[in-house]
PDB file of N, CA and C in Angstrom:
ATOM      1  N   MET A   1       0.901  -1.401  -0.132  1.00  0.00           N
ATOM      2  CA  MET A   1      -0.004   0.157   0.019  1.00  0.00           C
ATOM      3  C   MET A   1       1.246   1.041  -0.081  1.00  0.00           C
ATOM      4  N   ASP A   2       0.568   2.162  -0.766  1.00  0.00           N
ATOM      5  CA  ASP A   2       1.072   3.431  -0.883  1.00  0.00           C
ATOM      6  C   ASP A   2       1.218   4.619   0.247  1.00  0.00           C
ATOM      7  N   LYS A   3       2.295   4.462   1.257  1.00  0.00           N
ATOM      8  CA  LYS A   3       2.226   5.754   2.092  1.00  0.00           C
ATOM      9  C   LYS A   3       2.195   7.239   1.959  1.00  0.00           C
ATOM     10  N   ARG A   4       2.280   7.354   0.682  1.00  0.00           N
ATOM     11  CA  ARG A   4       2.507   8.939   0.211  1.00  0.00           C
ATOM     12  C   ARG A   4       1.022   9.379   0.841  1.00  0.00           C
ATOM     13  N   GLU A   5       0.941  10.789   1.197  1.00  0.00           N
ATOM     14  CA  GLU A   5      -0.307  11.473   1.203  1.00  0.00           C
ATOM     15  C   GLU A   5      -0.921  11.783   0.272  1.00  0.00           C
ATOM     16  N   GLN A   6      -2.097  11.954   0.430  1.00  0.00           N
ATOM     17  CA  GLN A   6      -3.218  12.314  -0.957  1.00  0.00           C
ATOM     18  C   GLN A   6      -3.601  13.230  -1.003  1.00  0.00           C
ATOM     19  N   LYS A   7      -3.672  14.055  -2.188  1.00  0.00           N
ATOM     20  CA  LYS A   7      -3.655  15.711  -1.951  1.00  0.00           C
ATOM     21  C   LYS A   7      -4.694  15.751  -3.342  1.00  0.00           C
ATOM     22  N   THR A   8      -5.472  16.606  -3.400  1.00  0.00           N
ATOM     23  CA  THR A   8      -6.491  17.064  -4.590  1.00  0.00           C
ATOM     24  C   THR A   8      -5.418  17.505  -5.840  1.00  0.00           C
ATOM     25  N   ALA A   9      -5.857  17.631  -7.287  1.00  0.00           N
ATOM     26  CA  ALA A   9      -5.112  18.129  -8.104  1.00  0.00           C
ATOM     27  C   ALA A   9      -5.302  19.606  -7.933  1.00  0.00           C
ATOM     28  N   GLY A  10      -5.811  20.659  -7.181  1.00  0.00           N
ATOM     29  CA  GLY A  10      -5.956  21.938  -6.660  1.00  0.00           C
ATOM     30  C   GLY A  10      -5.058  22.128  -5.649  1.00  0.00           C
ATOM     31  N   GLU A  11      -4.909  21.199  -4.710  1.00  0.00           N
ATOM     32  CA  GLU A  11      -3.687  21.396  -3.569  1.00  0.00           C
ATOM     33  C   GLU A  11      -2.375  21.071  -4.285  1.00  0.00           C
ATOM     34  N   LEU A  12      -2.091  20.512  -5.444  1.00  0.00           N
ATOM     35  CA  LEU A  12      -0.913  20.000  -5.619  1.00  0.00           C
ATOM     36  C   LEU A  12      -0.494  21.398  -6.611  1.00  0.00           C
ATOM     37  N   ALA A  13      -1.921  21.785  -7.511  1.00  0.00           N
ATOM     38  CA  ALA A  13      -1.284  22.600  -8.084  1.00  0.00           C
ATOM     39  C   ALA A  13      -1.142  24.279  -7.067  1.00  0.00           C
ATOM     40  N   ALA A  14      -1.474  24.309  -6.339  1.00  0.00           N
ATOM     41  CA  ALA A  14      -1.444  25.439  -5.451  1.00  0.00           C
ATOM     42  C   ALA A  14      -0.183  25.384  -4.851  1.00  0.00           C
ATOM     43  N   MET A  15       0.550  24.555  -4.361  1.00  0.00           N
ATOM     44  CA  MET A  15       1.957  23.790  -3.800  1.00  0.00           C
ATOM     45  C   MET A  15       2.900  24.175  -4.731  1.00  0.00           C
ATOM     46  N   ILE A  16       2.655  24.158  -5.830  1.00  0.00           N
ATOM     47  CA  ILE A  16       3.926  24.384  -7.246  1.00  0.00           C
ATOM     48  C   ILE A  16       3.833  25.914  -7.449  1.00  0.00           C
ATOM     49  N   THR A  17       2.445  26.320  -7.497  1.00  0.00           N
ATOM     50  CA  THR A  17       2.458  27.660  -7.757  1.00  0.00           C
ATOM     51  C   THR A  17       3.204  28.636  -6.680  1.00  0.00           C
ATOM     52  N   GLU A  18       2.739  28.053  -5.711  1.00  0.00           N
ATOM     53  CA  GLU A  18       3.525  28.916  -4.405  1.00  0.00           C
ATOM     54  C   GLU A  18       4.807  28.745  -4.336  1.00  0.00           C
ATOM     55  N   ARG A  19       5.602  27.966  -4.526  1.00  0.00           N
ATOM     56  CA  ARG A  19       6.842  27.099  -4.755  1.00  0.00           C
ATOM     57  C   ARG A  19       7.472  28.266  -5.851  1.00  0.00           C
ATOM     58  N   ILE A  20       6.986  28.054  -6.939  1.00  0.00           N
ATOM     59  CA  ILE A  20       7.543  28.777  -8.216  1.00  0.00           C
ATOM     60  C   ILE A  20       7.213  30.565  -8.101  1.00  0.00           C
ATOM     61  N   GLY A  21       6.485  31.141  -7.385  1.00  0.00           N
ATOM     62  CA  GLY A  21       6.225  32.222  -7.068  1.00  0.00           C
ATOM     63  C   GLY A  21       5.722  33.115  -8.439  1.00  0.00           C
ATOM     64  N   VAL A  22       5.000  32.469  -8.994  1.00  0.00           N
ATOM     65  CA  VAL A  22       4.464  33.349  -9.940  1.00  0.00           C
ATOM     66  C   VAL A  22       2.790  33.448  -9.982  1.00  0.00           C
ATOM     67  N   GLY A  23       2.506  34.492 -10.379  1.00  0.00           N
ATOM     68  CA  GLY A  23       1.004  34.992 -10.203  1.00  0.00           C
ATOM     69  C   GLY A  23       0.451  34.843 -11.522  1.00  0.00           C
ATOM     70  N   ALA A  24       0.905  35.202 -12.384  1.00  0.00           N
ATOM     71  CA  ALA A  24       0.486  35.232 -13.951  1.00  0.00           C
ATOM     72  C   ALA A  24       0.886  34.173 -14.659  1.00  0.00           C
ATOM     73  N   GLY A  25       0.239  33.051 -14.197  1.00  0.00           N
ATOM     74  CA  GLY A  25      -0.154  31.667 -14.489  1.00  0.00           C
ATOM     75  C   GLY A  25      -1.041  30.744 -13.938  1.00  0.00           C
ATOM     76  N   PHE A  26      -1.446  29.745 -14.945  1.00  0.00           N
ATOM     77  CA  PHE A  26      -2.183  28.786 -14.309  1.00  0.00           C
ATOM     78  C   PHE A  26      -1.428  27.647 -14.246  1.00  0.00           C
ATOM     79  N   VAL A  27      -1.400  26.840 -13.028  1.00  0.00           N
ATOM     80  CA  VAL A  27      -0.890  25.431 -12.991  1.00  0.00           C
ATOM     81  C   VAL A  27      -1.677  24.306 -13.035  1.00  0.00           C
ATOM     82  N   ASN A  28      -1.884  23.489 -14.106  1.00  0.00           N
ATOM     83  CA  ASN A  28      -2.702  22.369 -14.199  1.00  0.00           C
ATOM     84  C   ASN A  28      -2.299  20.965 -13.760  1.00  0.00           C
ATOM     85  N   VAL A  29      -2.626  20.402 -12.708  1.00  0.00           N
ATOM     86  CA  VAL A  29      -1.928  19.372 -12.347  1.00  0.00           C
ATOM     87  C   VAL A  29      -2.975  18.130 -12.904  1.00  0.00           C
ATOM     88  N   HIS A  30      -2.895  17.136 -13.453  1.00  0.00           N
ATOM     89  CA  HIS A  30      -3.541  15.993 -14.207  1.00  0.00           C
ATOM     90  C   HIS A  30      -3.126  14.581 -13.606  1.00  0.00           C
ATOM     91  N   GLU A  31      -4.083  13.608 -13.998  1.00  0.00           N
ATOM     92  CA  GLU A  31      -3.364  12.106 -13.900  1.00  0.00           C
ATOM     93  C   GLU A  31      -2.411  11.669 -15.199  1.00  0.00           C
ATOM     94  N   CYS A  32      -1.796  10.996 -14.626  1.00  0.00           N
ATOM     95  CA  CYS A  32      -0.525  10.575 -15.676  1.00  0.00           C
ATOM     96  C   CYS A  32      -0.508   9.149 -15.254  1.00  0.00           C
ATOM     97  N   PRO A  33      -0.715   8.051 -16.536  1.00  0.00           N
ATOM     98  CA  PRO A  33      -0.289   7.069 -16.068  1.00  0.00           C
ATOM     99  C   PRO A  33       0.908   6.218 -15.703  1.00  0.00           C
ATOM    100  N   GLN A  34       1.866   7.048 -16.448  1.00  0.00           N
ATOM    101  CA  GLN A  34       3.731   6.565 -16.038  1.00  0.00           C
ATOM    102  C   GLN A  34       3.998   6.956 -15.029  1.00  0.00           C
ATOM    103  N   LEU A  35       3.412   8.577 -14.230  1.00  0.00           N
ATOM    104  CA  LEU A  35       4.136   9.155 -13.335  1.00  0.00           C
ATOM    105  C   LEU A  35       2.945   9.159 -12.144  1.00  0.00           C
ATOM    106  N   GLY A  36       1.745   8.885 -12.109  1.00  0.00           N
ATOM    107  CA  GLY A  36       0.708   8.898 -11.320  1.00  0.00           C
ATOM    108  C   GLY A  36       0.131  10.127 -11.587  1.00  0.00           C
ATOM    109  N   TRP A  37       0.549  11.346 -11.827  1.00  0.00           N
ATOM    110  CA  TRP A  37      -0.003  12.824 -11.945  1.00  0.00           C
ATOM    111  C   TRP A  37       1.262  13.322 -12.493  1.00  0.00           C
ATOM    112  N   ASN A  38       0.802  14.580 -13.160  1.00  0.00           N
ATOM    113  CA  ASN A  38       1.929  15.570 -13.523  1.00  0.00           C
ATOM    114  C   ASN A  38       1.488  16.914 -14.135  1.00  0.00           C
ATOM    115  N   ALA A  39       2.012  17.929 -13.786  1.00  0.00           N
ATOM    116  CA  ALA A  39       1.712  19.351 -14.082  1.00  0.00           C
ATOM    117  C   ALA A  39       1.805  19.956 -14.823  1.00  0.00           C
ATOM    118  N   GLY A  40       1.431  20.907 -15.722  1.00  0.00           N
ATOM    119  CA  GLY A  40       1.928  21.958 -16.788  1.00  0.00           C
ATOM    120  C   GLY A  40       1.528  23.565 -16.103  1.00  0.00           C
ATOM    121  N   ILE A  41       1.982  24.184 -16.981  1.00  0.00           N
ATOM    122  CA  ILE A  41       1.443  25.512 -16.866  1.00  0.00           C
ATOM    123  C   ILE A  41       1.339  26.246 -17.729  1.00  0.00           C
ATOM    124  N   VAL A  42       0.441  27.293 -18.011  1.00  0.00           N
ATOM    125  CA  VAL A  42      -0.085  28.117 -18.770  1.00  0.00           C
ATOM    126  C   VAL A  42       0.282  29.620 -18.640  1.00  0.00           C
ATOM    127  N   THR A  43       1.088  29.724 -19.230  1.00  0.00           N
ATOM    128  CA  THR A  43       1.590  31.843 -18.932  1.00  0.00           C
ATOM    129  C   THR A  43       2.028  32.268 -20.275  1.00  0.00           C
ATOM    130  N   ALA A  44       2.524  33.306 -20.149  1.00  0.00           N
ATOM    131  CA  ALA A  44       2.857  34.384 -21.465  1.00  0.00           C
ATOM    132  C   ALA A  44       4.225  33.401 -22.170  1.00  0.00           C
ATOM    133  N   PRO A  45       3.944  33.185 -23.145  1.00  0.00           N
ATOM    134  CA  PRO A  45       4.749  32.577 -24.234  1.00  0.00           C
ATOM    135  C   PRO A  45       6.138  32.498 -23.927  1.00  0.00           C
ATOM    136  N   GLY A  46       6.706  33.839 -23.608  1.00  0.00           N
ATOM    137  CA  GLY A  46       8.081  33.893 -23.508  1.00  0.00           C
ATOM    138  C   GLY A  46       8.725  33.704 -21.961  1.00  0.00           C
ATOM    139  N   LYS A  47       7.652  33.152 -21.170  1.00  0.00           N
ATOM    140  CA  LYS A  47       8.088  32.696 -20.063  1.00  0.00           C
ATOM    141  C   LYS A  47       7.789  31.005 -19.900  1.00  0.00           C
ATOM    142  N   ALA A  48       7.200  30.594 -20.836  1.00  0.00           N
ATOM    143  CA  ALA A  48       6.348  29.275 -20.721  1.00  0.00           C
ATOM    144  C   ALA A  48       7.768  28.359 -20.195  1.00  0.00           C
ATOM    145  N   ALA A  49       8.702  28.116 -21.304  1.00  0.00           N
ATOM    146  CA  ALA A  49       9.875  27.023 -21.201  1.00  0.00           C
ATOM    147  C   ALA A  49      10.336  27.241 -19.807  1.00  0.00           C
ATOM    148  N   GLU A  50      10.653  28.291 -19.213  1.00  0.00           N
ATOM    149  CA  GLU A  50      11.282  28.707 -17.973  1.00  0.00           C
ATOM    150  C   GLU A  50      10.595  27.849 -16.892  1.00  0.00           C
ATOM    151  N   TYR A  51       9.222  28.321 -16.883  1.00  0.00           N
ATOM    152  CA  TYR A  51       8.400  27.971 -15.651  1.00  0.00           C
ATOM    153  C   TYR A  51       7.906  26.527 -15.844  1.00  0.00           C
ATOM    154  N   GLN A  52       7.739  25.992 -17.214  1.00  0.00           N
ATOM    155  CA  GLN A  52       7.759  24.543 -17.173  1.00  0.00           C
ATOM    156  C   GLN A  52       8.627  23.682 -16.853  1.00  0.00           C
ATOM    157  N   SER A  53      10.057  24.233 -16.756  1.00  0.00           N
ATOM    158  CA  SER A  53      11.354  23.260 -16.523  1.00  0.00           C
ATOM    159  C   SER A  53      11.024  23.361 -14.812  1.00  0.00           C
ATOM    160  N   GLN A  54      10.811  24.451 -13.922  1.00  0.00           N
ATOM    161  CA  GLN A  54      10.488  24.758 -12.911  1.00  0.00           C
ATOM    162  C   GLN A  54       9.383  23.802 -12.210  1.00  0.00           C
ATOM    163  N   VAL A  55       8.356  23.673 -13.110  1.00  0.00           N
ATOM    164  CA  VAL A  55       6.925  22.962 -12.714  1.00  0.00           C
ATOM    165  C   VAL A  55       7.229  21.619 -12.755  1.00  0.00           C
ATOM    166  N   GLU A  56       8.341  21.034 -13.750  1.00  0.00           N
ATOM    167  CA  GLU A  56       8.735  19.625 -13.730  1.00  0.00           C
ATOM    168  C   GLU A  56       9.519  19.477 -12.779  1.00  0.00           C
ATOM    169  N   THR A  57      10.364  20.157 -12.341  1.00  0.00           N
ATOM    170  CA  THR A  57      11.331  20.026 -11.078  1.00  0.00           C
ATOM    171  C   THR A  57      10.424  19.838  -9.949  1.00  0.00           C
ATOM    172  N   ILE A  58       9.472  20.691  -9.644  1.00  0.00           N
ATOM    173  CA  ILE A  58       8.985  20.582  -8.461  1.00  0.00           C
ATOM    174  C   ILE A  58       7.961  19.304  -8.427  1.00  0.00           C
ATOM    175  N   ALA A  59       7.281  19.179  -9.590  1.00  0.00           N
ATOM    176  CA  ALA A  59       6.220  18.043  -9.577  1.00  0.00           C
ATOM    177  C   ALA A  59       7.410  16.700  -9.182  1.00  0.00           C
ATOM    178  N   ALA A  60       8.172  16.336  -9.459  1.00  0.00           N
ATOM    179  CA  ALA A  60       8.852  15.389  -9.588  1.00  0.00           C
ATOM    180  C   ALA A  60       9.627  15.061  -7.964  1.00  0.00           C
ATOM    181  N   GLU A  61       9.737  16.278  -7.171  1.00  0.00           N
ATOM    182  CA  GLU A  61       9.868  16.310  -5.658  1.00  0.00           C
ATOM    183  C   GLU A  61       8.507  15.893  -4.871  1.00  0.00           C
ATOM    184  N   LEU A  62       7.597  16.513  -5.542  1.00  0.00           N
ATOM    185  CA  LEU A  62       6.326  16.386  -4.979  1.00  0.00           C
ATOM    186  C   LEU A  62       5.735  15.127  -4.953  1.00  0.00           C
ATOM    187  N   ARG A  63       6.023  14.283  -5.788  1.00  0.00           N
ATOM    188  CA  ARG A  63       5.822  13.126  -6.282  1.00  0.00           C
ATOM    189  C   ARG A  63       6.080  12.181  -5.411  1.00  0.00           C
ATOM    190  N   GLN A  64       7.101  12.111  -4.816  1.00  0.00           N
ATOM    191  CA  GLN A  64       7.957  11.471  -3.990  1.00  0.00           C
ATOM    192  C   GLN A  64       6.991  11.507  -2.281  1.00  0.00           C
ATOM    193  N   GLU A  65       6.206  12.352  -2.055  1.00  0.00           N
ATOM    194  CA  GLU A  65       5.567  12.666  -1.089  1.00  0.00           C
ATOM    195  C   GLU A  65       4.131  12.757  -1.052  1.00  0.00           C
ATOM    196  N   TYR A  66       3.823  12.699  -2.470  1.00  0.00           N
ATOM    197  CA  TYR A  66       2.710  13.159  -2.746  1.00  0.00           C
ATOM    198  C   TYR A  66       1.627  12.190  -3.598  1.00  0.00           C
ATOM    199  N   VAL A  67       0.657  11.398  -3.480  1.00  0.00           N
ATOM    200  CA  VAL A  67      -0.553  10.767  -4.588  1.00  0.00           C
ATOM    201  C   VAL A  67      -1.437  11.719  -5.021  1.00  0.00           C
ATOM    202  N   LEU A  68      -1.818  11.612  -6.225  1.00  0.00           N
ATOM    203  CA  LEU A  68      -3.077  12.226  -6.742  1.00  0.00           C
ATOM    204  C   LEU A  68      -4.373  11.822  -6.105  1.00  0.00           C
ATOM    205  N   LYS A  69      -4.943  12.665  -5.104  1.00  0.00           N
ATOM    206  CA  LYS A  69      -6.058  11.732  -4.665  1.00  0.00           C
ATOM    207  C   LYS A  69      -6.987  11.763  -5.708  1.00  0.00           C
ATOM    208  N   LYS A  70      -8.105  10.806  -5.943  1.00  0.00           N
ATOM    209  CA  LYS A  70      -8.928  10.317  -7.135  1.00  0.00           C
ATOM    210  C   LYS A  70     -10.276  11.086  -6.888  1.00  0.00           C
ATOM    211  N   ALA A  71     -10.714  11.666  -7.953  1.00  0.00           N
ATOM    212  CA  ALA A  71     -11.847  12.609  -8.031  1.00  0.00           C
ATOM    213  C   ALA A  71     -13.242  11.617  -7.536  1.00  0.00           C
ATOM    214  N   SER A  72     -13.929  11.624  -7.066  1.00  0.00           N
ATOM    215  CA  SER A  72     -15.058  10.904  -6.391  1.00  0.00           C
ATOM    216  C   SER A  72     -16.384  11.468  -6.836  1.00  0.00           C
TER     217      SER A  72
END
């Protein structure tokens, strides 16, 4: 049984947004068959690649502690 804490997509997105420190973007967390869950960001085109790299790094760290809570 997985001992990681369950978090909703909204909770995980808020954690990522807080760690990036960006207010001008939208972080989306979604189920991923290979990873369990993954995240992406929608923001200004000039910043998208930079922020997406940060989002991926943070998501990888958070996946060690949290699993995506299934919507009921």
